[in-house]
């Protein structure tokens, strides 16, 4: 036991050295990343980007998602069903579009909302498609037929 080092004493020496050292000396910024023109251009673009563009896209996509609840046409079969599923596809596309935009502009809450729009579009589409492919139980509002006869 006599030949083992005293770890408490060693760690206390390390703590004293760390207390005297500044944060900049411990974690210096790499010179290549700090001065590169690509990083500077990206930082300038993020500073000049307003939230108007991001919020406009998100509000339009949310308005489409809420509007899908109040779909005014029959979506039981035929052309009405095709139009409804096309609108659901547009909703999912708008969710993907806004999620990419919000990710690039570091807007966390708007990004979460856009991901929820993608899920909402998937739920709406699944409610119409799954009974027709035999995976879910058909109901009178969601029959098992694609075309009207």
C-alpha atoms as a PDB file:
ATOM      1  CA  UNK A   1       0.000   0.000   0.000  1.00  0.00           C
ATOM      2  CA  UNK A   2       2.933   2.321   0.558  1.00  0.00           C
ATOM      3  CA  UNK A   3       3.875   2.365  -3.132  1.00  0.00           C
ATOM      4  CA  UNK A   4       0.445   3.653  -4.337  1.00  0.00           C
ATOM      5  CA  UNK A   5       0.076   7.399  -4.956  1.00  0.00           C
ATOM      6  CA  UNK A   6      -2.104   9.589  -2.790  1.00  0.00           C
ATOM      7  CA  UNK A   7      -4.951  10.396  -5.182  1.00  0.00           C
ATOM      8  CA  UNK A   8      -6.517  13.023  -2.934  1.00  0.00           C
ATOM      9  CA  UNK A   9      -3.307  15.034  -2.950  1.00  0.00           C
ATOM     10  CA  UNK A  10      -2.910  14.645  -6.724  1.00  0.00           C
ATOM     11  CA  UNK A  11      -6.498  15.752  -7.399  1.00  0.00           C
ATOM     12  CA  UNK A  12      -6.197  18.747  -5.101  1.00  0.00           C
ATOM     13  CA  UNK A  13      -3.114  19.887  -7.074  1.00  0.00           C
ATOM     14  CA  UNK A  14      -5.090  19.570 -10.316  1.00  0.00           C
ATOM     15  CA  UNK A  15      -7.982  21.557  -8.826  1.00  0.00           C
ATOM     16  CA  UNK A  16      -5.618  24.380  -7.809  1.00  0.00           C
ATOM     17  CA  UNK A  17      -4.157  24.561 -11.318  1.00  0.00           C
ATOM     18  CA  UNK A  18      -7.617  24.641 -12.879  1.00  0.00           C
ATOM     19  CA  UNK A  19      -8.734  27.443 -10.559  1.00  0.00           C
ATOM     20  CA  UNK A  20      -5.824  29.650 -11.679  1.00  0.00           C
ATOM     21  CA  UNK A  21      -6.381  28.999 -15.392  1.00  0.00           C
ATOM     22  CA  UNK A  22      -8.834  31.149 -17.354  1.00  0.00           C
ATOM     23  CA  UNK A  23     -11.665  29.675 -19.427  1.00  0.00           C
ATOM     24  CA  UNK A  24     -10.143  30.983 -22.673  1.00  0.00           C
ATOM     25  CA  UNK A  25      -6.905  29.155 -21.935  1.00  0.00           C
ATOM     26  CA  UNK A  26      -8.758  25.917 -21.196  1.00  0.00           C
ATOM     27  CA  UNK A  27     -11.087  26.041 -24.221  1.00  0.00           C
ATOM     28  CA  UNK A  28      -9.498  28.131 -26.968  1.00  0.00           C
ATOM     29  CA  UNK A  29     -11.377  28.699 -30.211  1.00  0.00           C
ATOM     30  CA  UNK A  30      -9.692  27.023 -33.152  1.00  0.00           C
ATOM     31  CA  UNK A  31      -8.127  29.654 -35.420  1.00  0.00           C
ATOM     32  CA  UNK A  32      -9.319  27.979 -38.633  1.00  0.00           C
ATOM     33  CA  UNK A  33     -12.967  27.987 -37.596  1.00  0.00           C
ATOM     34  CA  UNK A  34     -12.971  31.465 -36.103  1.00  0.00           C
ATOM     35  CA  UNK A  35     -11.506  33.207 -39.139  1.00  0.00           C
ATOM     36  CA  UNK A  36     -12.908  31.180 -42.015  1.00  0.00           C
ATOM     37  CA  UNK A  37     -15.019  33.189 -44.459  1.00  0.00           C
ATOM     38  CA  UNK A  38     -17.735  30.513 -44.631  1.00  0.00           C
ATOM     39  CA  UNK A  39     -18.364  30.657 -40.883  1.00  0.00           C
ATOM     40  CA  UNK A  40     -18.361  34.455 -40.894  1.00  0.00           C
ATOM     41  CA  UNK A  41     -20.816  34.562 -43.809  1.00  0.00           C
ATOM     42  CA  UNK A  42     -23.145  32.080 -42.115  1.00  0.00           C
ATOM     43  CA  UNK A  43     -23.050  34.034 -38.841  1.00  0.00           C
ATOM     44  CA  UNK A  44     -23.790  37.294 -40.666  1.00  0.00           C
ATOM     45  CA  UNK A  45     -26.704  35.677 -42.508  1.00  0.00           C
ATOM     46  CA  UNK A  46     -28.186  34.357 -39.266  1.00  0.00           C
ATOM     47  CA  UNK A  47     -27.876  37.777 -37.638  1.00  0.00           C
ATOM     48  CA  UNK A  48     -29.606  39.541 -40.530  1.00  0.00           C
ATOM     49  CA  UNK A  49     -32.355  36.947 -40.951  1.00  0.00           C
ATOM     50  CA  UNK A  50     -35.551  38.099 -39.364  1.00  0.00           C
ATOM     51  CA  UNK A  51     -38.124  35.778 -37.943  1.00  0.00           C
ATOM     52  CA  UNK A  52     -40.770  37.110 -40.339  1.00  0.00           C
ATOM     53  CA  UNK A  53     -39.859  34.661 -43.089  1.00  0.00           C
ATOM     54  CA  UNK A  54     -39.806  31.707 -40.731  1.00  0.00           C
ATOM     55  CA  UNK A  55     -43.056  32.637 -39.004  1.00  0.00           C
ATOM     56  CA  UNK A  56     -44.843  33.355 -42.296  1.00  0.00           C
ATOM     57  CA  UNK A  57     -44.059  29.873 -43.567  1.00  0.00           C
ATOM     58  CA  UNK A  58     -45.094  28.261 -40.297  1.00  0.00           C
ATOM     59  CA  UNK A  59     -48.347  30.233 -40.073  1.00  0.00           C
ATOM     60  CA  UNK A  60     -49.294  29.271 -43.640  1.00  0.00           C
ATOM     61  CA  UNK A  61     -48.606  25.601 -42.952  1.00  0.00           C
ATOM     62  CA  UNK A  62     -50.530  25.678 -39.648  1.00  0.00           C
ATOM     63  CA  UNK A  63     -53.466  27.381 -41.383  1.00  0.00           C
ATOM     64  CA  UNK A  64     -53.517  24.528 -43.901  1.00  0.00           C
ATOM     65  CA  UNK A  65     -53.350  21.968 -41.091  1.00  0.00           C
ATOM     66  CA  UNK A  66     -56.253  23.574 -39.233  1.00  0.00           C
ATOM     67  CA  UNK A  67     -58.190  23.976 -42.478  1.00  0.00           C
ATOM     68  CA  UNK A  68     -57.973  20.246 -43.097  1.00  0.00           C
ATOM     69  CA  UNK A  69     -60.271  19.727 -40.096  1.00  0.00           C
ATOM     70  CA  UNK A  70     -62.952  21.750 -41.858  1.00  0.00           C
ATOM     71  CA  UNK A  71     -62.643  20.068 -45.286  1.00  0.00           C
ATOM     72  CA  UNK A  72     -65.892  21.115 -47.030  1.00  0.00           C
ATOM     73  CA  UNK A  73     -66.162  18.364 -49.648  1.00  0.00           C
ATOM     74  CA  UNK A  74     -67.025  14.706 -49.471  1.00  0.00           C
ATOM     75  CA  UNK A  75     -63.917  12.576 -49.124  1.00  0.00           C
ATOM     76  CA  UNK A  76     -65.592   9.159 -49.044  1.00  0.00           C
ATOM     77  CA  UNK A  77     -64.634   8.033 -52.544  1.00  0.00           C
ATOM     78  CA  UNK A  78     -63.691   9.058 -56.060  1.00  0.00           C
ATOM     79  CA  UNK A  79     -62.499  12.536 -56.987  1.00  0.00           C
ATOM     80  CA  UNK A  80     -63.308  13.971 -53.550  1.00  0.00           C
ATOM     81  CA  UNK A  81     -61.063  11.376 -51.924  1.00  0.00           C
ATOM     82  CA  UNK A  82     -58.292  12.061 -54.437  1.00  0.00           C
ATOM     83  CA  UNK A  83     -58.529  15.805 -53.781  1.00  0.00           C
ATOM     84  CA  UNK A  84     -58.461  15.253 -50.016  1.00  0.00           C
ATOM     85  CA  UNK A  85     -55.418  12.977 -50.224  1.00  0.00           C
ATOM     86  CA  UNK A  86     -53.703  15.515 -52.499  1.00  0.00           C
ATOM     87  CA  UNK A  87     -54.378  18.223 -49.894  1.00  0.00           C
ATOM     88  CA  UNK A  88     -52.949  15.932 -47.200  1.00  0.00           C
ATOM     89  CA  UNK A  89     -49.856  15.506 -49.379  1.00  0.00           C
ATOM     90  CA  UNK A  90     -49.563  19.287 -49.651  1.00  0.00           C
ATOM     91  CA  UNK A  91     -49.863  19.508 -45.849  1.00  0.00           C
ATOM     92  CA  UNK A  92     -47.042  17.000 -45.346  1.00  0.00           C
ATOM     93  CA  UNK A  93     -44.969  18.835 -47.973  1.00  0.00           C
ATOM     94  CA  UNK A  94     -45.593  22.141 -46.196  1.00  0.00           C
ATOM     95  CA  UNK A  95     -44.520  20.529 -42.920  1.00  0.00           C
ATOM     96  CA  UNK A  96     -41.294  19.270 -44.483  1.00  0.00           C
ATOM     97  CA  UNK A  97     -40.695  22.650 -46.124  1.00  0.00           C
ATOM     98  CA  UNK A  98     -41.135  24.550 -42.876  1.00  0.00           C
ATOM     99  CA  UNK A  99     -39.112  22.022 -40.880  1.00  0.00           C
ATOM    100  CA  UNK A 100     -36.131  22.457 -43.203  1.00  0.00           C
ATOM    101  CA  UNK A 101     -36.473  26.229 -43.072  1.00  0.00           C
ATOM    102  CA  UNK A 102     -36.814  26.353 -39.289  1.00  0.00           C
ATOM    103  CA  UNK A 103     -33.882  23.965 -38.826  1.00  0.00           C
ATOM    104  CA  UNK A 104     -31.621  26.162 -40.933  1.00  0.00           C
ATOM    105  CA  UNK A 105     -32.623  29.284 -39.029  1.00  0.00           C
ATOM    106  CA  UNK A 106     -32.430  27.696 -35.578  1.00  0.00           C
ATOM    107  CA  UNK A 107     -36.046  28.317 -34.612  1.00  0.00           C
ATOM    108  CA  UNK A 108     -36.725  25.508 -32.150  1.00  0.00           C
ATOM    109  CA  UNK A 109     -40.405  26.091 -31.343  1.00  0.00           C
ATOM    110  CA  UNK A 110     -41.338  26.610 -34.968  1.00  0.00           C
ATOM    111  CA  UNK A 111     -39.382  23.480 -35.878  1.00  0.00           C
ATOM    112  CA  UNK A 112     -41.319  21.443 -33.338  1.00  0.00           C
ATOM    113  CA  UNK A 113     -44.574  22.836 -34.730  1.00  0.00           C
ATOM    114  CA  UNK A 114     -43.564  21.926 -38.266  1.00  0.00           C
ATOM    115  CA  UNK A 115     -42.730  18.375 -37.186  1.00  0.00           C
ATOM    116  CA  UNK A 116     -46.172  18.151 -35.582  1.00  0.00           C
ATOM    117  CA  UNK A 117     -47.666  19.235 -38.916  1.00  0.00           C
ATOM    118  CA  UNK A 118     -45.928  16.318 -40.621  1.00  0.00           C
ATOM    119  CA  UNK A 119     -47.351  13.936 -38.024  1.00  0.00           C
ATOM    120  CA  UNK A 120     -50.819  15.523 -38.390  1.00  0.00           C
ATOM    121  CA  UNK A 121     -50.701  15.003 -42.147  1.00  0.00           C
ATOM    122  CA  UNK A 122     -49.686  11.391 -41.609  1.00  0.00           C
ATOM    123  CA  UNK A 123     -52.606  10.839 -39.237  1.00  0.00           C
ATOM    124  CA  UNK A 124     -55.096  12.401 -41.653  1.00  0.00           C
ATOM    125  CA  UNK A 125     -53.769  10.351 -44.545  1.00  0.00           C
ATOM    126  CA  UNK A 126     -53.718   7.138 -42.530  1.00  0.00           C
ATOM    127  CA  UNK A 127     -57.349   7.632 -41.486  1.00  0.00           C
ATOM    128  CA  UNK A 128     -58.363   7.552 -45.151  1.00  0.00           C
ATOM    129  CA  UNK A 129     -55.900   5.060 -46.629  1.00  0.00           C
ATOM    130  CA  UNK A 130     -55.703   2.312 -43.996  1.00  0.00           C
ATOM    131  CA  UNK A 131     -59.379   1.198 -44.180  1.00  0.00           C
ATOM    132  CA  UNK A 132     -59.105   1.040 -47.963  1.00  0.00           C
ATOM    133  CA  UNK A 133     -56.054  -1.213 -47.980  1.00  0.00           C
ATOM    134  CA  UNK A 134     -57.546  -3.591 -45.425  1.00  0.00           C
ATOM    135  CA  UNK A 135     -55.408  -2.667 -42.439  1.00  0.00           C
ATOM    136  CA  UNK A 136     -58.062  -0.824 -40.412  1.00  0.00           C
ATOM    137  CA  UNK A 137     -61.746  -1.498 -39.859  1.00  0.00           C
ATOM    138  CA  UNK A 138     -63.924   0.356 -42.390  1.00  0.00           C
ATOM    139  CA  UNK A 139     -66.602   2.700 -41.052  1.00  0.00           C
ATOM    140  CA  UNK A 140     -69.440   4.520 -42.826  1.00  0.00           C
ATOM    141  CA  UNK A 141     -67.339   7.688 -43.011  1.00  0.00           C
ATOM    142  CA  UNK A 142     -64.246   5.731 -44.121  1.00  0.00           C
ATOM    143  CA  UNK A 143     -65.462   2.898 -46.380  1.00  0.00           C
ATOM    144  CA  UNK A 144     -63.245   0.211 -47.865  1.00  0.00           C
ATOM    145  CA  UNK A 145     -63.711   1.375 -51.471  1.00  0.00           C
ATOM    146  CA  UNK A 146     -61.638   3.818 -53.512  1.00  0.00           C
ATOM    147  CA  UNK A 147     -64.142   4.667 -56.241  1.00  0.00           C
ATOM    148  CA  UNK A 148     -67.806   5.596 -56.072  1.00  0.00           C
ATOM    149  CA  UNK A 149     -70.230   3.245 -57.813  1.00  0.00           C
END
